[in-house]
Amino acid sequence: MKGILGFDKFLHFTAFAALSVASGLWFSRGSWLGRPGRNFLICLAVVFVYGALDEFHQYFVPGRASNIWDWVADIMGGAAGAAAALLAVRFWDMRPKGLSKAGCIY
């Protein structure tokens, strides 16, 4: 399907969101809380470059097509994944302090 709509674009979005979250695991919780913009941009840059190289390589593979809309879906998924990583760290930081998982004070 032409454009940004289509199931294949959803798959690109999902795969590159997962790549972005995995890239976010390179950074510590403290790093995410201290420099969230930098970490977000690094995760997005990883996805940006990887997606561009993937589309470039597909140009040379018989039976595959290089498509700018696939790359756009990759980048959008990467941004969503980086945002999800940031939100997960911030949510985790909002937990009550002083309680273990069992609810006991430690």
N, C-alpha and C. Protein backbone atom coordinates (compact mmCIF):
# COMPACT_ATOMS: atom_id res chain seq x y z
N MET A 1 0.84 -1.18 0.00
CA MET A 1 0.00 0.00 0.00
C MET A 1 0.89 1.24 0.00
N LYS A 2 0.50 2.22 -0.72
CA LYS A 2 1.27 3.46 -0.80
C LYS A 2 1.03 4.31 0.44
N GLY A 3 2.01 5.13 0.76
CA GLY A 3 1.87 6.04 1.88
C GLY A 3 2.22 5.41 3.21
N ILE A 4 1.79 6.07 4.27
CA ILE A 4 2.16 5.65 5.61
C ILE A 4 1.18 4.63 6.20
N LEU A 5 0.03 4.42 5.55
CA LEU A 5 -0.95 3.47 6.07
C LEU A 5 -0.69 2.08 5.52
N GLY A 6 -0.99 1.09 6.33
CA GLY A 6 -0.84 -0.30 5.91
C GLY A 6 -0.28 -1.15 7.02
N PHE A 7 -0.58 -2.43 6.94
CA PHE A 7 -0.12 -3.36 7.98
C PHE A 7 1.39 -3.46 8.02
N ASP A 8 2.04 -3.38 6.85
CA ASP A 8 3.50 -3.46 6.84
C ASP A 8 4.13 -2.27 7.57
N LYS A 9 3.48 -1.12 7.51
CA LYS A 9 3.99 0.07 8.23
C LYS A 9 3.82 -0.12 9.74
N PHE A 10 2.71 -0.77 10.13
CA PHE A 10 2.51 -1.10 11.54
C PHE A 10 3.62 -2.03 12.03
N LEU A 11 4.00 -2.99 11.20
CA LEU A 11 5.09 -3.91 11.58
C LEU A 11 6.41 -3.16 11.70
N HIS A 12 6.68 -2.25 10.76
CA HIS A 12 7.89 -1.43 10.86
C HIS A 12 7.87 -0.62 12.15
N PHE A 13 6.74 0.03 12.42
CA PHE A 13 6.58 0.85 13.62
C PHE A 13 6.88 0.02 14.87
N THR A 14 6.28 -1.16 14.95
CA THR A 14 6.43 -2.01 16.13
C THR A 14 7.87 -2.50 16.30
N ALA A 15 8.47 -2.96 15.22
CA ALA A 15 9.83 -3.48 15.30
C ALA A 15 10.82 -2.39 15.71
N PHE A 16 10.66 -1.20 15.17
CA PHE A 16 11.61 -0.13 15.48
C PHE A 16 11.32 0.52 16.83
N ALA A 17 10.08 0.41 17.31
CA ALA A 17 9.79 0.83 18.68
C ALA A 17 10.53 -0.10 19.64
N ALA A 18 10.50 -1.39 19.36
CA ALA A 18 11.23 -2.35 20.20
C ALA A 18 12.74 -2.09 20.14
N LEU A 19 13.26 -1.78 18.97
CA LEU A 19 14.68 -1.45 18.84
C LEU A 19 15.02 -0.22 19.67
N SER A 20 14.16 0.76 19.66
CA SER A 20 14.40 1.99 20.41
C SER A 20 14.37 1.73 21.92
N VAL A 21 13.40 0.93 22.38
CA VAL A 21 13.36 0.57 23.80
C VAL A 21 14.63 -0.19 24.18
N ALA A 22 15.05 -1.12 23.33
CA ALA A 22 16.28 -1.87 23.60
C ALA A 22 17.49 -0.94 23.65
N SER A 23 17.51 0.06 22.77
CA SER A 23 18.59 1.05 22.80
C SER A 23 18.55 1.84 24.10
N GLY A 24 17.35 2.10 24.60
CA GLY A 24 17.20 2.83 25.85
C GLY A 24 17.73 2.07 27.05
N LEU A 25 17.82 0.76 26.93
CA LEU A 25 18.35 -0.05 28.03
C LEU A 25 19.86 0.15 28.20
N TRP A 26 20.51 0.78 27.24
CA TRP A 26 21.93 1.09 27.39
C TRP A 26 22.17 2.10 28.50
N PHE A 27 21.15 2.88 28.81
CA PHE A 27 21.31 3.98 29.76
C PHE A 27 20.75 3.58 31.13
N SER A 28 21.39 4.06 32.15
CA SER A 28 20.93 3.80 33.51
C SER A 28 19.68 4.62 33.81
N ARG A 29 19.00 4.25 34.87
CA ARG A 29 17.83 5.00 35.31
C ARG A 29 18.22 6.43 35.64
N GLY A 30 19.36 6.59 36.30
CA GLY A 30 19.83 7.93 36.65
C GLY A 30 20.13 8.77 35.42
N SER A 31 20.66 8.14 34.40
CA SER A 31 20.94 8.85 33.16
C SER A 31 19.65 9.32 32.51
N TRP A 32 18.61 8.46 32.50
CA TRP A 32 17.32 8.85 31.93
C TRP A 32 16.70 10.00 32.70
N LEU A 33 16.84 9.97 34.02
CA LEU A 33 16.26 11.04 34.83
C LEU A 33 17.06 12.33 34.73
N GLY A 34 18.38 12.21 34.57
CA GLY A 34 19.24 13.39 34.51
C GLY A 34 19.33 14.04 33.15
N ARG A 35 19.34 13.23 32.10
CA ARG A 35 19.49 13.74 30.72
C ARG A 35 18.48 13.08 29.79
N PRO A 36 17.20 13.25 30.02
CA PRO A 36 16.20 12.54 29.21
C PRO A 36 16.21 12.93 27.73
N GLY A 37 16.43 14.21 27.44
CA GLY A 37 16.44 14.66 26.05
C GLY A 37 17.59 14.05 25.27
N ARG A 38 18.76 14.01 25.89
CA ARG A 38 19.93 13.43 25.22
C ARG A 38 19.70 11.95 24.95
N ASN A 39 19.19 11.22 25.95
CA ASN A 39 18.97 9.79 25.77
C ASN A 39 17.90 9.52 24.72
N PHE A 40 16.84 10.32 24.73
CA PHE A 40 15.79 10.19 23.73
C PHE A 40 16.37 10.37 22.32
N LEU A 41 17.17 11.41 22.15
CA LEU A 41 17.75 11.69 20.82
C LEU A 41 18.74 10.62 20.39
N ILE A 42 19.49 10.06 21.33
CA ILE A 42 20.42 8.98 20.97
C ILE A 42 19.64 7.75 20.51
N CYS A 43 18.59 7.39 21.25
CA CYS A 43 17.75 6.25 20.83
C CYS A 43 17.15 6.50 19.45
N LEU A 44 16.69 7.71 19.24
CA LEU A 44 16.10 8.06 17.94
C LEU A 44 17.16 8.03 16.83
N ALA A 45 18.37 8.47 17.14
CA ALA A 45 19.45 8.45 16.15
C ALA A 45 19.81 7.02 15.76
N VAL A 46 19.83 6.11 16.73
CA VAL A 46 20.11 4.70 16.45
C VAL A 46 19.08 4.16 15.47
N VAL A 47 17.81 4.44 15.73
CA VAL A 47 16.73 3.97 14.87
C VAL A 47 16.81 4.64 13.49
N PHE A 48 17.08 5.93 13.48
CA PHE A 48 17.18 6.70 12.24
C PHE A 48 18.24 6.09 11.31
N VAL A 49 19.42 5.86 11.86
CA VAL A 49 20.53 5.33 11.05
C VAL A 49 20.26 3.88 10.65
N TYR A 50 19.82 3.07 11.59
CA TYR A 50 19.56 1.66 11.28
C TYR A 50 18.47 1.54 10.21
N GLY A 51 17.40 2.33 10.36
CA GLY A 51 16.32 2.31 9.37
C GLY A 51 16.80 2.74 7.99
N ALA A 52 17.63 3.78 7.94
CA ALA A 52 18.15 4.26 6.65
C ALA A 52 19.04 3.19 6.01
N LEU A 53 19.90 2.56 6.81
CA LEU A 53 20.75 1.50 6.26
C LEU A 53 19.93 0.30 5.80
N ASP A 54 18.87 -0.02 6.53
CA ASP A 54 18.01 -1.14 6.15
C ASP A 54 17.32 -0.86 4.81
N GLU A 55 16.79 0.34 4.66
CA GLU A 55 16.13 0.69 3.40
C GLU A 55 17.14 0.75 2.24
N PHE A 56 18.33 1.24 2.51
CA PHE A 56 19.37 1.29 1.48
C PHE A 56 19.75 -0.13 1.03
N HIS A 57 19.91 -1.01 2.00
CA HIS A 57 20.29 -2.38 1.68
C HIS A 57 19.18 -3.10 0.91
N GLN A 58 17.91 -2.78 1.22
CA GLN A 58 16.80 -3.43 0.53
C GLN A 58 16.74 -3.04 -0.95
N TYR A 59 17.30 -1.91 -1.30
CA TYR A 59 17.34 -1.48 -2.69
C TYR A 59 18.09 -2.50 -3.56
N PHE A 60 19.08 -3.16 -2.96
CA PHE A 60 19.93 -4.10 -3.69
C PHE A 60 19.49 -5.55 -3.56
N VAL A 61 18.45 -5.82 -2.80
CA VAL A 61 17.99 -7.19 -2.58
C VAL A 61 16.88 -7.50 -3.57
N PRO A 62 17.05 -8.53 -4.39
CA PRO A 62 16.00 -8.89 -5.35
C PRO A 62 14.70 -9.25 -4.63
N GLY A 63 13.60 -8.75 -5.15
CA GLY A 63 12.30 -9.02 -4.56
C GLY A 63 11.92 -8.09 -3.41
N ARG A 64 12.80 -7.21 -3.03
CA ARG A 64 12.51 -6.24 -1.96
C ARG A 64 12.52 -4.84 -2.57
N ALA A 65 11.85 -3.93 -1.91
CA ALA A 65 11.77 -2.56 -2.39
C ALA A 65 12.21 -1.61 -1.28
N SER A 66 12.88 -0.57 -1.68
CA SER A 66 13.27 0.48 -0.75
C SER A 66 12.16 1.53 -0.78
N ASN A 67 11.65 1.89 0.40
CA ASN A 67 10.48 2.76 0.46
C ASN A 67 10.68 3.81 1.54
N ILE A 68 10.53 5.07 1.19
CA ILE A 68 10.69 6.16 2.15
C ILE A 68 9.64 6.07 3.26
N TRP A 69 8.43 5.57 2.93
CA TRP A 69 7.37 5.46 3.94
C TRP A 69 7.69 4.40 4.98
N ASP A 70 8.42 3.37 4.59
CA ASP A 70 8.89 2.38 5.57
C ASP A 70 9.83 3.06 6.56
N TRP A 71 10.69 3.90 6.05
CA TRP A 71 11.65 4.60 6.90
C TRP A 71 10.93 5.58 7.84
N VAL A 72 9.91 6.25 7.33
CA VAL A 72 9.12 7.15 8.17
C VAL A 72 8.45 6.36 9.30
N ALA A 73 7.90 5.20 8.98
CA ALA A 73 7.28 4.35 10.01
C ALA A 73 8.33 3.89 11.02
N ASP A 74 9.55 3.59 10.54
CA ASP A 74 10.64 3.21 11.44
C ASP A 74 10.95 4.33 12.43
N ILE A 75 11.04 5.53 11.93
CA ILE A 75 11.38 6.69 12.78
C ILE A 75 10.25 6.97 13.77
N MET A 76 9.02 6.89 13.32
CA MET A 76 7.89 7.12 14.22
C MET A 76 7.86 6.06 15.32
N GLY A 77 8.13 4.82 14.97
CA GLY A 77 8.19 3.75 15.96
C GLY A 77 9.34 3.98 16.94
N GLY A 78 10.47 4.45 16.41
CA GLY A 78 11.61 4.75 17.27
C GLY A 78 11.30 5.84 18.27
N ALA A 79 10.60 6.87 17.83
CA ALA A 79 10.22 7.96 18.74
C ALA A 79 9.25 7.45 19.81
N ALA A 80 8.31 6.61 19.40
CA ALA A 80 7.36 6.05 20.36
C ALA A 80 8.07 5.14 21.36
N GLY A 81 9.02 4.36 20.90
CA GLY A 81 9.77 3.48 21.79
C GLY A 81 10.62 4.25 22.78
N ALA A 82 11.28 5.30 22.32
CA ALA A 82 12.10 6.13 23.21
C ALA A 82 11.22 6.83 24.24
N ALA A 83 10.05 7.30 23.80
CA ALA A 83 9.12 7.94 24.73
C ALA A 83 8.61 6.93 25.76
N ALA A 84 8.34 5.71 25.31
CA ALA A 84 7.89 4.66 26.24
C ALA A 84 8.97 4.34 27.27
N ALA A 85 10.22 4.29 26.84
CA ALA A 85 11.32 4.04 27.78
C ALA A 85 11.40 5.15 28.81
N LEU A 86 11.29 6.39 28.36
CA LEU A 86 11.35 7.53 29.28
C LEU A 86 10.17 7.50 30.26
N LEU A 87 8.97 7.23 29.76
CA LEU A 87 7.81 7.16 30.63
C LEU A 87 7.91 6.02 31.63
N ALA A 88 8.46 4.90 31.21
CA ALA A 88 8.63 3.76 32.12
C ALA A 88 9.59 4.11 33.25
N VAL A 89 10.68 4.80 32.92
CA VAL A 89 11.63 5.20 33.96
C VAL A 89 10.99 6.20 34.91
N ARG A 90 10.25 7.15 34.39
CA ARG A 90 9.60 8.15 35.25
C ARG A 90 8.51 7.52 36.10
N PHE A 91 7.76 6.57 35.53
CA PHE A 91 6.73 5.88 36.30
C PHE A 91 7.38 5.07 37.42
N TRP A 92 8.46 4.38 37.09
CA TRP A 92 9.17 3.56 38.08
C TRP A 92 9.68 4.45 39.21
N ASP A 93 10.11 5.66 38.89
CA ASP A 93 10.65 6.58 39.89
C ASP A 93 9.55 7.12 40.80
N MET A 94 8.29 7.03 40.41
CA MET A 94 7.19 7.57 41.20
C MET A 94 6.68 6.56 42.24
N ARG A 95 7.23 5.35 42.27
CA ARG A 95 6.79 4.35 43.25
C ARG A 95 7.04 4.86 44.66
N PRO A 96 6.23 4.41 45.61
CA PRO A 96 6.48 4.81 47.00
C PRO A 96 7.86 4.33 47.46
N LYS A 97 8.56 5.18 48.15
CA LYS A 97 9.89 4.84 48.63
C LYS A 97 9.77 4.16 49.99
N GLY A 98 10.68 3.28 50.29
CA GLY A 98 10.74 2.64 51.60
C GLY A 98 9.92 1.37 51.71
N LEU A 99 9.31 0.91 50.65
CA LEU A 99 8.55 -0.32 50.70
C LEU A 99 9.16 -1.33 49.74
N SER A 100 9.28 -2.54 50.21
CA SER A 100 9.75 -3.60 49.31
C SER A 100 8.57 -4.10 48.50
N LYS A 101 8.81 -5.04 47.63
CA LYS A 101 7.73 -5.59 46.82
C LYS A 101 6.68 -6.27 47.70
N ALA A 102 7.09 -6.80 48.86
CA ALA A 102 6.16 -7.48 49.75
C ALA A 102 5.38 -6.50 50.61
N GLY A 103 5.69 -5.20 50.52
CA GLY A 103 4.97 -4.22 51.30
C GLY A 103 5.59 -3.94 52.66
N CYS A 104 6.74 -4.52 52.91
CA CYS A 104 7.42 -4.32 54.19
C CYS A 104 8.42 -3.17 54.08
N ILE A 105 8.57 -2.44 55.16
CA ILE A 105 9.56 -1.36 55.17
C ILE A 105 10.94 -1.98 55.29
N TYR A 106 11.86 -1.52 54.50
CA TYR A 106 13.23 -2.04 54.56
C TYR A 106 14.19 -0.97 54.93
